[in-house]
Amino acid sequence: MEKYQTLLYYCYSYIANAEQFATDHLKFCKSLNLVGRIIVADEGLNGTVSGTIENCKTYMEAIHADERFAKTEFKIDDVEEPSFIKMHCRYKSEIVHSGLRDTSIINPNEQTGKHLEPVDFMKMKDEEDVIILDVRSNYEHNLGKFKNAITLDIENFRDFPEQINQLAQYKDKKILTYCTGGIKCEKASALLLHHGFNDVYQLHGGIIKYGKEAGGKDFEGKCYVFDNRIAVDVNEVNPTIVSVCYNCGKTTPKMINCANPECNEHITQCDDCGDALEGCCSTACTTNPRKRPYDGTGYYVKVPQPVGKKTEAVG
């Protein structure tokens, strides 16, 4: 039986002619029969790819062989089947959409929060003068978050800069930021420092690495991931479910996208409501003529678009 892996990674490193790089990199990934989603920007790479163990190994070796990406750290999950159906590699303005493109102000290669390894994060998070800050979007932290973490009412990471004033009351505290794999914290922590927060840290490798190296202790619920798994378990120490069904309020760990493509809302929904509403978030969405067939997963394959065409990052 074939064995597969899913690789999560990012690297802030300047790429000359990044649009052409995206085109060439897509061809390379397809030559390895990988599937996944990679964002290429002038500032670097952000990707999740999946394939056989052998082909994933070849891919990681190729990334590390390029001096621009030699320090890239891969989070590796063993999976029963590939975590995507198709392979996408797109050029965008940022590898994670934040609107923070002025490198004279925010440059992760020059200044970010202090990186904390998972075990160190676990020790520091319970100290009295510490604030744990989740920099992810609503649909992500609604599914799971660290115990006692502060969450922000944001729909996308690009809304984070607007929340800085709300956080001003914590300037005299140690701020421990975290996200899924670490990439959002690079710019979030840098922005906090820019605005006068002096003692800022970030969870190196994010929630995913924390689950692997610290057992996921005190992470409540599941971690949202950007592939067809949708959510993964990270807590092996004291797991719990904190998310509730968007429709009926019953506790459920299941996250879906609304079957109405014109809505596509990320929600937590129990199986009973999913069946009753055919995978939609509301009765109104069930009447949309473009409603997608619901297979019980709530995951839908995106229509491929040509690589090489410049698009805006969507978060």
C-alpha atoms as a PDB file:
ATOM      1  CA  MET A   1       0.000   0.000   0.000  1.00  0.00           C
ATOM      2  CA  GLU A   2       1.437   3.363  -1.078  1.00  0.00           C
ATOM      3  CA  LYS A   3       2.322   5.781   1.711  1.00  0.00           C
ATOM      4  CA  TYR A   4       1.903   9.538   1.411  1.00  0.00           C
ATOM      5  CA  GLN A   5       2.993  12.705   3.144  1.00  0.00           C
ATOM      6  CA  THR A   6       1.790  16.282   3.297  1.00  0.00           C
ATOM      7  CA  LEU A   7       4.385  19.044   3.591  1.00  0.00           C
ATOM      8  CA  LEU A   8       3.673  22.485   5.029  1.00  0.00           C
ATOM      9  CA  TYR A   9       6.345  25.176   4.625  1.00  0.00           C
ATOM     10  CA  TYR A  10       7.183  28.787   3.899  1.00  0.00           C
ATOM     11  CA  CYS A  11      10.294  30.838   3.261  1.00  0.00           C
ATOM     12  CA  TYR A  12      10.792  34.589   3.114  1.00  0.00           C
ATOM     13  CA  SER A  13      13.536  34.997   0.519  1.00  0.00           C
ATOM     14  CA  TYR A  14      13.590  37.316  -2.485  1.00  0.00           C
ATOM     15  CA  ILE A  15      12.805  35.645  -5.821  1.00  0.00           C
ATOM     16  CA  ALA A  16      13.840  37.471  -8.992  1.00  0.00           C
ATOM     17  CA  ASN A  17      11.312  37.042 -11.824  1.00  0.00           C
ATOM     18  CA  ALA A  18       8.931  35.288  -9.443  1.00  0.00           C
ATOM     19  CA  GLU A  19       6.161  34.959 -12.030  1.00  0.00           C
ATOM     20  CA  GLN A  20       8.375  32.820 -14.254  1.00  0.00           C
ATOM     21  CA  PHE A  21       9.532  30.899 -11.188  1.00  0.00           C
ATOM     22  CA  ALA A  22       5.886  30.018 -10.413  1.00  0.00           C
ATOM     23  CA  THR A  23       5.386  28.675 -13.939  1.00  0.00           C
ATOM     24  CA  ASP A  24       8.561  26.592 -13.824  1.00  0.00           C
ATOM     25  CA  HIS A  25       7.891  25.379 -10.290  1.00  0.00           C
ATOM     26  CA  LEU A  26       4.434  24.138 -11.252  1.00  0.00           C
ATOM     27  CA  LYS A  27       5.986  22.024 -14.001  1.00  0.00           C
ATOM     28  CA  PHE A  28       8.520  20.645 -11.535  1.00  0.00           C
ATOM     29  CA  CYS A  29       5.822  19.730  -8.996  1.00  0.00           C
ATOM     30  CA  LYS A  30       3.756  18.013 -11.669  1.00  0.00           C
ATOM     31  CA  SER A  31       6.819  16.039 -12.790  1.00  0.00           C
ATOM     32  CA  LEU A  32       6.880  14.597  -9.253  1.00  0.00           C
ATOM     33  CA  ASN A  33       3.132  13.877  -9.312  1.00  0.00           C
ATOM     34  CA  LEU A  34       2.658  16.210  -6.361  1.00  0.00           C
ATOM     35  CA  VAL A  35      -0.638  17.881  -5.569  1.00  0.00           C
ATOM     36  CA  GLY A  36      -1.094  20.968  -3.470  1.00  0.00           C
ATOM     37  CA  ARG A  37      -1.170  24.728  -3.357  1.00  0.00           C
ATOM     38  CA  ILE A  38       1.890  26.987  -3.535  1.00  0.00           C
ATOM     39  CA  ILE A  39       1.936  30.780  -3.494  1.00  0.00           C
ATOM     40  CA  VAL A  40       4.937  32.460  -5.046  1.00  0.00           C
ATOM     41  CA  ALA A  41       5.686  36.153  -4.550  1.00  0.00           C
ATOM     42  CA  ASP A  42       8.709  38.366  -4.895  1.00  0.00           C
ATOM     43  CA  GLU A  43       9.159  37.940  -1.124  1.00  0.00           C
ATOM     44  CA  GLY A  44       9.277  34.119  -1.121  1.00  0.00           C
ATOM     45  CA  LEU A  45       7.300  30.869  -1.041  1.00  0.00           C
ATOM     46  CA  ASN A  46       4.318  29.562   0.926  1.00  0.00           C
ATOM     47  CA  GLY A  47       3.163  26.046   0.194  1.00  0.00           C
ATOM     48  CA  THR A  48       1.410  22.857   1.142  1.00  0.00           C
ATOM     49  CA  VAL A  49       2.115  19.889  -1.119  1.00  0.00           C
ATOM     50  CA  SER A  50       1.285  16.212  -0.912  1.00  0.00           C
ATOM     51  CA  GLY A  51       2.530  13.075  -2.576  1.00  0.00           C
ATOM     52  CA  THR A  52       4.361   9.805  -2.065  1.00  0.00           C
ATOM     53  CA  ILE A  53       7.082   9.714   0.584  1.00  0.00           C
ATOM     54  CA  GLU A  54       9.744   9.311  -2.110  1.00  0.00           C
ATOM     55  CA  ASN A  55       8.495  12.237  -4.188  1.00  0.00           C
ATOM     56  CA  CYS A  56       8.091  14.454  -1.134  1.00  0.00           C
ATOM     57  CA  LYS A  57      11.694  13.659  -0.196  1.00  0.00           C
ATOM     58  CA  THR A  58      12.833  14.628  -3.700  1.00  0.00           C
ATOM     59  CA  TYR A  59      10.879  17.876  -3.465  1.00  0.00           C
ATOM     60  CA  MET A  60      12.372  18.840  -0.096  1.00  0.00           C
ATOM     61  CA  GLU A  61      15.878  18.074  -1.349  1.00  0.00           C
ATOM     62  CA  ALA A  62      15.305  20.302  -4.388  1.00  0.00           C
ATOM     63  CA  ILE A  63      14.047  23.196  -2.232  1.00  0.00           C
ATOM     64  CA  HIS A  64      16.992  22.905   0.149  1.00  0.00           C
ATOM     65  CA  ALA A  65      19.438  22.699  -2.771  1.00  0.00           C
ATOM     66  CA  ASP A  66      18.381  26.193  -3.859  1.00  0.00           C
ATOM     67  CA  GLU A  67      20.442  28.593  -1.723  1.00  0.00           C
ATOM     68  CA  ARG A  68      17.496  31.001  -1.529  1.00  0.00           C
ATOM     69  CA  PHE A  69      15.436  28.402   0.316  1.00  0.00           C
ATOM     70  CA  ALA A  70      18.157  26.401   2.062  1.00  0.00           C
ATOM     71  CA  LYS A  71      16.814  27.222   5.535  1.00  0.00           C
ATOM     72  CA  THR A  72      13.219  26.235   4.764  1.00  0.00           C
ATOM     73  CA  GLU A  73      11.660  24.128   7.523  1.00  0.00           C
ATOM     74  CA  PHE A  74       9.094  21.522   6.493  1.00  0.00           C
ATOM     75  CA  LYS A  75       6.280  20.326   8.770  1.00  0.00           C
ATOM     76  CA  ILE A  76       5.647  16.738   7.666  1.00  0.00           C
ATOM     77  CA  ASP A  77       2.439  14.772   8.188  1.00  0.00           C
ATOM     78  CA  ASP A  78       1.997  11.124   7.241  1.00  0.00           C
ATOM     79  CA  VAL A  79      -1.390  10.768   5.525  1.00  0.00           C
ATOM     80  CA  GLU A  80      -3.400   7.881   4.115  1.00  0.00           C
ATOM     81  CA  GLU A  81      -4.052   9.670   0.835  1.00  0.00           C
ATOM     82  CA  PRO A  82      -2.898  12.916  -0.827  1.00  0.00           C
ATOM     83  CA  SER A  83      -4.374  15.993   0.855  1.00  0.00           C
ATOM     84  CA  PHE A  84      -5.242  17.709  -2.421  1.00  0.00           C
ATOM     85  CA  ILE A  85      -6.658  16.653  -5.761  1.00  0.00           C
ATOM     86  CA  LYS A  86      -4.845  19.068  -8.079  1.00  0.00           C
ATOM     87  CA  MET A  87      -1.587  21.005  -8.162  1.00  0.00           C
ATOM     88  CA  HIS A  88      -1.663  24.808  -8.112  1.00  0.00           C
ATOM     89  CA  CYS A  89       1.300  27.186  -8.083  1.00  0.00           C
ATOM     90  CA  ARG A  90       0.342  30.848  -8.383  1.00  0.00           C
ATOM     91  CA  TYR A  91       2.160  34.151  -8.399  1.00  0.00           C
ATOM     92  CA  LYS A  92       0.659  36.724  -6.021  1.00  0.00           C
ATOM     93  CA  SER A  93       1.651  40.004  -4.442  1.00  0.00           C
ATOM     94  CA  GLU A  94       2.396  38.424  -1.031  1.00  0.00           C
ATOM     95  CA  ILE A  95       2.840  34.865   0.216  1.00  0.00           C
ATOM     96  CA  VAL A  96       0.212  35.608   2.847  1.00  0.00           C
ATOM     97  CA  HIS A  97      -2.097  38.558   2.224  1.00  0.00           C
ATOM     98  CA  SER A  98      -1.499  41.241   4.839  1.00  0.00           C
ATOM     99  CA  GLY A  99      -1.237  44.467   2.867  1.00  0.00           C
ATOM    100  CA  LEU A 100       2.160  44.983   4.571  1.00  0.00           C
ATOM    101  CA  ARG A 101       4.329  45.226   1.480  1.00  0.00           C
ATOM    102  CA  ASP A 102       6.635  48.106   2.389  1.00  0.00           C
ATOM    103  CA  THR A 103       9.837  46.295   3.344  1.00  0.00           C
ATOM    104  CA  SER A 104      11.245  49.488   4.847  1.00  0.00           C
ATOM    105  CA  ILE A 105       8.577  49.091   7.557  1.00  0.00           C
ATOM    106  CA  ILE A 106       7.912  45.330   7.739  1.00  0.00           C
ATOM    107  CA  ASN A 107      10.598  42.878   6.636  1.00  0.00           C
ATOM    108  CA  PRO A 108      10.560  39.396   8.241  1.00  0.00           C
ATOM    109  CA  ASN A 109      14.164  38.869   7.169  1.00  0.00           C
ATOM    110  CA  GLU A 110      15.282  41.815   9.313  1.00  0.00           C
ATOM    111  CA  GLN A 111      12.969  41.973  12.339  1.00  0.00           C
ATOM    112  CA  THR A 112      10.293  39.710  13.802  1.00  0.00           C
ATOM    113  CA  GLY A 113       9.274  38.526  17.233  1.00  0.00           C
ATOM    114  CA  LYS A 114      11.660  36.200  19.044  1.00  0.00           C
ATOM    115  CA  HIS A 115      11.114  32.645  17.856  1.00  0.00           C
ATOM    116  CA  LEU A 116      10.065  30.233  20.602  1.00  0.00           C
ATOM    117  CA  GLU A 117      10.439  26.516  20.104  1.00  0.00           C
ATOM    118  CA  PRO A 118       7.289  24.560  21.079  1.00  0.00           C
ATOM    119  CA  VAL A 119       8.584  23.363  24.462  1.00  0.00           C
ATOM    120  CA  ASP A 120       9.653  26.894  25.384  1.00  0.00           C
ATOM    121  CA  PHE A 121       6.302  28.287  24.266  1.00  0.00           C
ATOM    122  CA  MET A 122       4.544  25.699  26.430  1.00  0.00           C
ATOM    123  CA  LYS A 123       6.549  26.807  29.478  1.00  0.00           C
ATOM    124  CA  MET A 124       6.170  30.555  28.910  1.00  0.00           C
ATOM    125  CA  LYS A 125       2.470  30.701  27.982  1.00  0.00           C
ATOM    126  CA  ASP A 126       1.279  30.258  31.578  1.00  0.00           C
ATOM    127  CA  GLU A 127       3.429  33.012  33.083  1.00  0.00           C
ATOM    128  CA  GLU A 128       1.519  35.892  34.719  1.00  0.00           C
ATOM    129  CA  ASP A 129       2.818  38.683  32.487  1.00  0.00           C
ATOM    130  CA  VAL A 130       2.119  36.819  29.228  1.00  0.00           C
ATOM    131  CA  ILE A 131      -0.592  37.418  26.635  1.00  0.00           C
ATOM    132  CA  ILE A 132      -1.197  34.606  24.124  1.00  0.00           C
ATOM    133  CA  LEU A 133      -2.347  36.164  20.850  1.00  0.00           C
ATOM    134  CA  ASP A 134      -4.019  34.196  18.053  1.00  0.00           C
ATOM    135  CA  VAL A 135      -3.397  36.053  14.781  1.00  0.00           C
ATOM    136  CA  ARG A 136      -5.653  33.799  12.672  1.00  0.00           C
ATOM    137  CA  SER A 137      -9.096  34.458  11.248  1.00  0.00           C
ATOM    138  CA  ASN A 138     -12.457  33.829  12.920  1.00  0.00           C
ATOM    139  CA  TYR A 139     -13.207  30.542  11.162  1.00  0.00           C
ATOM    140  CA  GLU A 140      -9.822  29.196  12.269  1.00  0.00           C
ATOM    141  CA  HIS A 141      -9.903  30.079  15.960  1.00  0.00           C
ATOM    142  CA  ASN A 142     -13.605  29.150  16.203  1.00  0.00           C
ATOM    143  CA  LEU A 143     -12.515  25.588  15.466  1.00  0.00           C
ATOM    144  CA  GLY A 144      -9.646  25.563  17.953  1.00  0.00           C
ATOM    145  CA  LYS A 145      -7.274  27.796  19.898  1.00  0.00           C
ATOM    146  CA  PHE A 146      -4.891  27.796  22.834  1.00  0.00           C
ATOM    147  CA  LYS A 147      -6.443  27.933  26.293  1.00  0.00           C
ATOM    148  CA  ASN A 148      -6.726  31.563  27.497  1.00  0.00           C
ATOM    149  CA  ALA A 149      -5.656  32.954  24.113  1.00  0.00           C
ATOM    150  CA  ILE A 150      -6.892  36.330  22.930  1.00  0.00           C
ATOM    151  CA  THR A 151      -8.596  36.072  19.561  1.00  0.00           C
ATOM    152  CA  LEU A 152      -9.391  38.844  17.107  1.00  0.00           C
ATOM    153  CA  ASP A 153     -12.601  39.439  15.183  1.00  0.00           C
ATOM    154  CA  ILE A 154     -11.069  39.290  11.704  1.00  0.00           C
ATOM    155  CA  GLU A 155     -12.301  37.606   8.547  1.00  0.00           C
ATOM    156  CA  ASN A 156      -8.862  37.538   6.900  1.00  0.00           C
ATOM    157  CA  PHE A 157      -5.283  38.153   7.983  1.00  0.00           C
ATOM    158  CA  ARG A 158      -5.272  41.391   5.967  1.00  0.00           C
ATOM    159  CA  ASP A 159      -7.588  42.770   8.693  1.00  0.00           C
ATOM    160  CA  PHE A 160      -4.929  42.249  11.377  1.00  0.00           C
ATOM    161  CA  PRO A 161      -3.242  45.686  11.057  1.00  0.00           C
ATOM    162  CA  GLU A 162      -6.557  47.346  11.945  1.00  0.00           C
ATOM    163  CA  GLN A 163      -6.534  45.542  15.304  1.00  0.00           C
ATOM    164  CA  ILE A 164      -3.284  47.043  16.599  1.00  0.00           C
ATOM    165  CA  ASN A 165      -4.975  49.861  18.547  1.00  0.00           C
ATOM    166  CA  GLN A 166      -7.255  47.330  20.239  1.00  0.00           C
ATOM    167  CA  LEU A 167      -4.148  45.534  21.518  1.00  0.00           C
ATOM    168  CA  ALA A 168      -2.440  48.672  22.871  1.00  0.00           C
ATOM    169  CA  GLN A 169      -3.480  47.795  26.450  1.00  0.00           C
ATOM    170  CA  TYR A 170      -1.018  44.881  26.354  1.00  0.00           C
ATOM    171  CA  LYS A 171       2.118  46.831  25.408  1.00  0.00           C
ATOM    172  CA  ASP A 172       3.720  46.194  28.807  1.00  0.00           C
ATOM    173  CA  LYS A 173       3.172  42.419  28.551  1.00  0.00           C
ATOM    174  CA  LYS A 174       5.041  39.596  26.857  1.00  0.00           C
ATOM    175  CA  ILE A 175       3.087  38.915  23.653  1.00  0.00           C
ATOM    176  CA  LEU A 176       3.197  35.316  22.406  1.00  0.00           C
ATOM    177  CA  THR A 177       1.799  35.155  18.886  1.00  0.00           C
ATOM    178  CA  TYR A 178       0.836  31.948  17.124  1.00  0.00           C
ATOM    179  CA  CYS A 179      -0.778  30.734  13.903  1.00  0.00           C
ATOM    180  CA  THR A 180      -1.053  27.484  11.946  1.00  0.00           C
ATOM    181  CA  GLY A 181       2.485  27.103  10.632  1.00  0.00           C
ATOM    182  CA  GLY A 182       4.257  30.309  11.609  1.00  0.00           C
ATOM    183  CA  ILE A 183       4.002  32.393   8.452  1.00  0.00           C
ATOM    184  CA  LYS A 184       1.402  34.907   9.656  1.00  0.00           C
ATOM    185  CA  CYS A 185       3.343  35.505  12.868  1.00  0.00           C
ATOM    186  CA  GLU A 186       6.384  36.663  10.899  1.00  0.00           C
ATOM    187  CA  LYS A 187       4.571  39.817   9.786  1.00  0.00           C
ATOM    188  CA  ALA A 188       2.172  40.074  12.749  1.00  0.00           C
ATOM    189  CA  SER A 189       5.012  40.109  15.280  1.00  0.00           C
ATOM    190  CA  ALA A 190       7.028  42.531  13.140  1.00  0.00           C
ATOM    191  CA  LEU A 191       4.039  44.887  12.994  1.00  0.00           C
ATOM    192  CA  LEU A 192       3.604  44.733  16.776  1.00  0.00           C
ATOM    193  CA  LEU A 193       7.260  45.664  17.219  1.00  0.00           C
ATOM    194  CA  HIS A 194       6.865  48.507  14.740  1.00  0.00           C
ATOM    195  CA  HIS A 195       3.995  49.881  16.856  1.00  0.00           C
ATOM    196  CA  GLY A 196       5.944  49.875  20.095  1.00  0.00           C
ATOM    197  CA  PHE A 197       5.309  46.450  21.581  1.00  0.00           C
ATOM    198  CA  ASN A 198       8.725  45.663  22.995  1.00  0.00           C
ATOM    199  CA  ASP A 199       8.511  42.057  24.176  1.00  0.00           C
ATOM    200  CA  VAL A 200       7.089  40.044  21.286  1.00  0.00           C
ATOM    201  CA  TYR A 201       7.495  36.330  20.575  1.00  0.00           C
ATOM    202  CA  GLN A 202       6.170  33.866  18.028  1.00  0.00           C
ATOM    203  CA  LEU A 203       5.580  30.140  18.156  1.00  0.00           C
ATOM    204  CA  HIS A 204       8.183  28.747  15.778  1.00  0.00           C
ATOM    205  CA  GLY A 205       6.562  26.335  13.359  1.00  0.00           C
ATOM    206  CA  GLY A 206       3.095  27.249  14.587  1.00  0.00           C
ATOM    207  CA  ILE A 207       0.389  25.005  15.988  1.00  0.00           C
ATOM    208  CA  ILE A 208       1.391  22.132  13.720  1.00  0.00           C
ATOM    209  CA  LYS A 209       4.939  21.944  15.053  1.00  0.00           C
ATOM    210  CA  TYR A 210       3.671  22.462  18.615  1.00  0.00           C
ATOM    211  CA  GLY A 211       1.493  19.385  18.244  1.00  0.00           C
ATOM    212  CA  LYS A 212       4.418  17.303  17.049  1.00  0.00           C
ATOM    213  CA  GLU A 213       7.003  18.474  19.599  1.00  0.00           C
ATOM    214  CA  ALA A 214       4.971  19.429  22.677  1.00  0.00           C
ATOM    215  CA  GLY A 215       2.032  17.048  22.368  1.00  0.00           C
ATOM    216  CA  GLY A 216      -0.349  19.927  21.686  1.00  0.00           C
ATOM    217  CA  LYS A 217      -0.943  20.527  25.401  1.00  0.00           C
ATOM    218  CA  ASP A 218      -3.655  23.134  26.117  1.00  0.00           C
ATOM    219  CA  PHE A 219      -4.611  23.590  22.489  1.00  0.00           C
ATOM    220  CA  GLU A 220      -8.388  23.320  22.678  1.00  0.00           C
ATOM    221  CA  GLY A 221     -10.245  21.922  19.684  1.00  0.00           C
ATOM    222  CA  LYS A 222      -8.827  21.159  16.247  1.00  0.00           C
ATOM    223  CA  CYS A 223      -6.471  23.061  13.987  1.00  0.00           C
ATOM    224  CA  TYR A 224      -7.814  24.324  10.665  1.00  0.00           C
ATOM    225  CA  VAL A 225      -5.587  23.439   7.710  1.00  0.00           C
ATOM    226  CA  PHE A 226      -5.768  24.633   4.129  1.00  0.00           C
ATOM    227  CA  ASP A 227      -6.245  21.324   2.335  1.00  0.00           C
ATOM    228  CA  ASN A 228      -8.958  18.710   2.009  1.00  0.00           C
ATOM    229  CA  ARG A 229      -8.378  17.444   5.542  1.00  0.00           C
ATOM    230  CA  ILE A 230      -9.830  20.816   6.683  1.00  0.00           C
ATOM    231  CA  ALA A 231      -9.077  20.103  10.357  1.00  0.00           C
ATOM    232  CA  VAL A 232      -6.442  18.047  12.184  1.00  0.00           C
ATOM    233  CA  ASP A 233      -5.916  16.917  15.770  1.00  0.00           C
ATOM    234  CA  VAL A 234      -2.873  18.361  17.516  1.00  0.00           C
ATOM    235  CA  ASN A 235      -3.512  17.773  21.237  1.00  0.00           C
ATOM    236  CA  GLU A 236      -2.514  14.358  22.561  1.00  0.00           C
ATOM    237  CA  VAL A 237      -2.241  15.489  26.199  1.00  0.00           C
ATOM    238  CA  ASN A 238      -5.567  17.055  27.206  1.00  0.00           C
ATOM    239  CA  PRO A 239      -7.748  17.184  24.075  1.00  0.00           C
ATOM    240  CA  THR A 240     -11.186  18.769  24.016  1.00  0.00           C
ATOM    241  CA  ILE A 241     -13.691  20.051  21.470  1.00  0.00           C
ATOM    242  CA  VAL A 242     -14.669  23.710  21.728  1.00  0.00           C
ATOM    243  CA  SER A 243     -16.437  24.372  18.419  1.00  0.00           C
ATOM    244  CA  VAL A 244     -20.203  24.234  18.065  1.00  0.00           C
ATOM    245  CA  CYS A 245     -22.531  23.768  15.106  1.00  0.00           C
ATOM    246  CA  TYR A 246     -23.277  27.045  13.336  1.00  0.00           C
ATOM    247  CA  ASN A 247     -26.898  25.971  12.905  1.00  0.00           C
ATOM    248  CA  CYS A 248     -27.985  24.142  16.060  1.00  0.00           C
ATOM    249  CA  GLY A 249     -25.261  24.861  18.629  1.00  0.00           C
ATOM    250  CA  LYS A 250     -24.359  21.231  19.244  1.00  0.00           C
ATOM    251  CA  THR A 251     -20.676  20.528  19.930  1.00  0.00           C
ATOM    252  CA  THR A 252     -18.938  19.376  16.767  1.00  0.00           C
ATOM    253  CA  PRO A 253     -15.360  19.350  15.448  1.00  0.00           C
ATOM    254  CA  LYS A 254     -16.458  19.320  11.810  1.00  0.00           C
ATOM    255  CA  MET A 255     -15.632  22.299   9.595  1.00  0.00           C
ATOM    256  CA  ILE A 256     -17.102  22.742   6.122  1.00  0.00           C
ATOM    257  CA  ASN A 257     -17.428  25.249   3.322  1.00  0.00           C
ATOM    258  CA  CYS A 258     -21.012  26.157   2.422  1.00  0.00           C
ATOM    259  CA  ALA A 259     -22.111  24.180  -0.652  1.00  0.00           C
ATOM    260  CA  ASN A 260     -23.346  27.409  -2.234  1.00  0.00           C
ATOM    261  CA  PRO A 261     -20.237  28.628  -4.130  1.00  0.00           C
ATOM    262  CA  GLU A 262     -21.501  32.214  -4.039  1.00  0.00           C
ATOM    263  CA  CYS A 263     -21.415  31.990  -0.232  1.00  0.00           C
ATOM    264  CA  ASN A 264     -18.630  29.456   0.474  1.00  0.00           C
ATOM    265  CA  GLU A 265     -18.741  30.397   4.173  1.00  0.00           C
ATOM    266  CA  HIS A 266     -16.350  28.500   6.481  1.00  0.00           C
ATOM    267  CA  ILE A 267     -18.530  27.117   9.288  1.00  0.00           C
ATOM    268  CA  THR A 268     -18.588  24.336  11.852  1.00  0.00           C
ATOM    269  CA  GLN A 269     -21.576  22.110  11.215  1.00  0.00           C
ATOM    270  CA  CYS A 270     -22.733  18.815  12.708  1.00  0.00           C
ATOM    271  CA  ASP A 271     -23.586  15.876  10.470  1.00  0.00           C
ATOM    272  CA  ASP A 272     -27.327  16.132  11.164  1.00  0.00           C
ATOM    273  CA  CYS A 273     -27.495  19.763  10.055  1.00  0.00           C
ATOM    274  CA  GLY A 274     -25.160  19.036   7.156  1.00  0.00           C
ATOM    275  CA  ASP A 275     -27.511  16.362   5.870  1.00  0.00           C
ATOM    276  CA  ALA A 276     -30.620  18.470   6.471  1.00  0.00           C
ATOM    277  CA  LEU A 277     -29.168  21.532   4.734  1.00  0.00           C
ATOM    278  CA  GLU A 278     -27.278  19.583   2.053  1.00  0.00           C
ATOM    279  CA  GLY A 279     -23.986  21.078   3.211  1.00  0.00           C
ATOM    280  CA  CYS A 280     -25.245  24.661   3.154  1.00  0.00           C
ATOM    281  CA  CYS A 281     -25.013  27.204   5.953  1.00  0.00           C
ATOM    282  CA  SER A 282     -28.662  28.234   5.607  1.00  0.00           C
ATOM    283  CA  THR A 283     -31.937  27.309   3.962  1.00  0.00           C
ATOM    284  CA  ALA A 284     -31.501  30.233   1.579  1.00  0.00           C
ATOM    285  CA  CYS A 285     -28.235  28.800   0.282  1.00  0.00           C
ATOM    286  CA  THR A 286     -29.891  25.444  -0.501  1.00  0.00           C
ATOM    287  CA  THR A 287     -31.957  27.172  -3.206  1.00  0.00           C
ATOM    288  CA  ASN A 288     -28.994  28.523  -5.147  1.00  0.00           C
ATOM    289  CA  PRO A 289     -28.970  26.932  -8.631  1.00  0.00           C
ATOM    290  CA  ARG A 290     -25.162  26.618  -8.506  1.00  0.00           C
ATOM    291  CA  LYS A 291     -25.207  24.657  -5.245  1.00  0.00           C
ATOM    292  CA  ARG A 292     -22.515  21.978  -5.260  1.00  0.00           C
ATOM    293  CA  PRO A 293     -23.315  18.330  -4.487  1.00  0.00           C
ATOM    294  CA  TYR A 294     -22.630  17.606  -0.810  1.00  0.00           C
ATOM    295  CA  ASP A 295     -20.658  14.415  -0.167  1.00  0.00           C
ATOM    296  CA  GLY A 296     -20.414  14.793   3.586  1.00  0.00           C
ATOM    297  CA  THR A 297     -16.944  16.374   3.632  1.00  0.00           C
ATOM    298  CA  GLY A 298     -17.717  20.000   2.869  1.00  0.00           C
ATOM    299  CA  TYR A 299     -14.542  20.259   0.804  1.00  0.00           C
ATOM    300  CA  TYR A 300     -14.731  21.386  -2.816  1.00  0.00           C
ATOM    301  CA  VAL A 301     -12.037  21.426  -5.472  1.00  0.00           C
ATOM    302  CA  LYS A 302     -11.221  24.865  -6.846  1.00  0.00           C
ATOM    303  CA  VAL A 303     -11.258  25.384 -10.591  1.00  0.00           C
ATOM    304  CA  PRO A 304      -7.661  25.594 -11.830  1.00  0.00           C
ATOM    305  CA  GLN A 305      -6.416  28.880 -13.266  1.00  0.00           C
ATOM    306  CA  PRO A 306      -3.466  29.523 -15.561  1.00  0.00           C
ATOM    307  CA  VAL A 307      -0.131  29.959 -13.808  1.00  0.00           C
ATOM    308  CA  GLY A 308       1.804  33.081 -14.710  1.00  0.00           C
ATOM    309  CA  LYS A 309      -1.205  35.368 -14.447  1.00  0.00           C
ATOM    310  CA  LYS A 310      -0.751  37.848 -11.613  1.00  0.00           C
ATOM    311  CA  THR A 311      -3.523  37.669  -9.020  1.00  0.00           C
ATOM    312  CA  GLU A 312      -4.117  39.190  -5.632  1.00  0.00           C
ATOM    313  CA  ALA A 313      -3.578  36.991  -2.594  1.00  0.00           C
ATOM    314  CA  VAL A 314      -6.798  36.245  -0.752  1.00  0.00           C
ATOM    315  CA  GLY A 315      -5.392  35.275   2.645  1.00  0.00           C
END
